[in-house]
Amino acid sequence: MRILGSQAMWLTYPRESGGVIEVISPVIARYTATLTYADLPGDVRCTAKRCLLDWMGAVFAARNEAVALRLRELAASLGGHPDATIIAFGDRTSWLNACLVNGSMAHLAESDDIFREGIYHPGAPTIAAALAVAEKIHSSGRELIVAIVGGYEVSTRIAQAINPSHYRFWHTTGTVGTLGAAIAAAILLRLNETQTIHALGLAATQAAGLAQTIIEQTDGKPLHSGKAALNGALAAFLAASGFNGPQEPLMGLRGFCRVVSNSIDEDALTRGLGDEHNILKVTFKFYPSCGHTHSAIDAALYLAREEHLGPEDIAEVDLSTYSAAVDVAGNDDPKTPYEAKFSLRYCVAVALAFGEVTSRLFEPSVLQSPDIRHVMERIRVRRDPALDEEFPAKRTSIIRIVTKDGRELTRREDYRKGDPEKPLSEDDVKVKFMDLGRNAGISCGRLTAIAERIMNIEDVEDVSFLCQAVSESINS
């Protein structure tokens, strides 16, 4: 038996397959408490900066959304010591409020990154928490990079361990995102191993996010991410102040993994931790819609481009895809731009009609266009149980188009543009950032300057100065 500090210790828990295994929380805690900038390979550091830039673009994309404006008003009414920034607006507020608003906004416009095998958006909650805490305690850019990487590495493994069964009832970004935020904050606060275990436990007991909120496409979906950032950061501060939590919050008898999943890959929780980097497997979204629509968009765009198809050429479209895509993005008659982002029919119709899927094509004028509605009427979406067998590793869509001149055209896409198998380059990520920012009303010159600052953040001595400079730039 090994003692960690004065309280935490090694325990054992039974494997479902028989036998016992040592608890994993101390392994995670040791990784977290000892991780340094020097430990990170160059490609990992670079990817962390891309994640931050991509996160910033997702926040900017939500700048004019009604939900974001309501959250901003709420934060102003709550008050608090002004030790962090609501990035898109420049408001100085408490770190708690900053976590809530920035974390929600990062997930609001459906532009944030994805860890495919965990069915999880790690950036929205993890970076929101890391940035707010880094501002509050005046961390350096290098310390922020370490926090982002640590949060991604731990939380993506937890997400992978409990899915896909977890996703049937829970929104992983709300649940596991709380743990990712806690780990990122723990690194910045320099918690020791014992304190980190407490932070993980205090975060796990606050983790929530009902899938019903996604199915009904309510404002609660982005709120999951904001609350995950807030609750995770709060857990780390509580642990730093002496609060304790369970010694095995993940795989204990009533631990997080056991109560939110009925099929756990125990080994995934620590597999390759410190040696293999999941942050390198992150998907950067190329389209501003639900990730479950992207392989279908890719297939539609391919056929439209290669066969020189226009809406007038199409007699019918048959789309087969995996069940989770239909469950989450099966809205056949979207009424709002937000609902359109969760409509396979709408996204495919836009791809076929315009040859692209960009932010401007989710505006009400396009959504209400009779021409788009006419294309949507020709699209049939159905679930294919055979495609469920490879989910979530593959997000397959198969499109069959029958043209008015009698041709039958088929395209299958197993991966999405932006997935590790079809990665975006750094320039692609920057182009996406510029597109999202311009649509939010920010000038190209200012966006270029912000991107340069972020891609050189390792040279920043105090992250709070960067956040304030970014906000002043876009709000002056």
Foldseek 3Di string as FASTA:
>chain_A
DDDDPPDFDWDWDADPVGDIDIFCLLVLLQLLLPDALVLDDPVLLLLLLLLVLQLVLQLLLCLPPPLLVVLVVVQVVVAADQQAACQNALDGGALLSQLQNSLLSSPQQQQAWDLLLLLERQSSQQLSLLLSLLSNVFAALRLSSRLLQSLQQQLSLLSNFFDDQLLVWFNSLLQSNLQSLLSSLLSVVSPHSQLSLFLNQQSNVVGGGTCVCLLVLHSVPSSSRSVSNSSSNVSSVCSVVPDGGDSRQDPPPPHNSVVRHPGGPVCSNCVCVSNDGSSLQMFRDLARANPLLFQLLVFLLVCCVVVVAALQFFQAKEKEWADVLCSRQVPLQDDALSNLSSHNLLSSLCCRHPSDHYPVCSHNVNSPDPSSVVSSVRYDYDYDNVNNVCPSVWGKMKMWTATPVGDIDIDIGRHGCRGSVNNDDSVSSLVSSQRSNVVSPFDPVLSVVLSVCSSVSNPGSGSSVNSSVSNVRRND
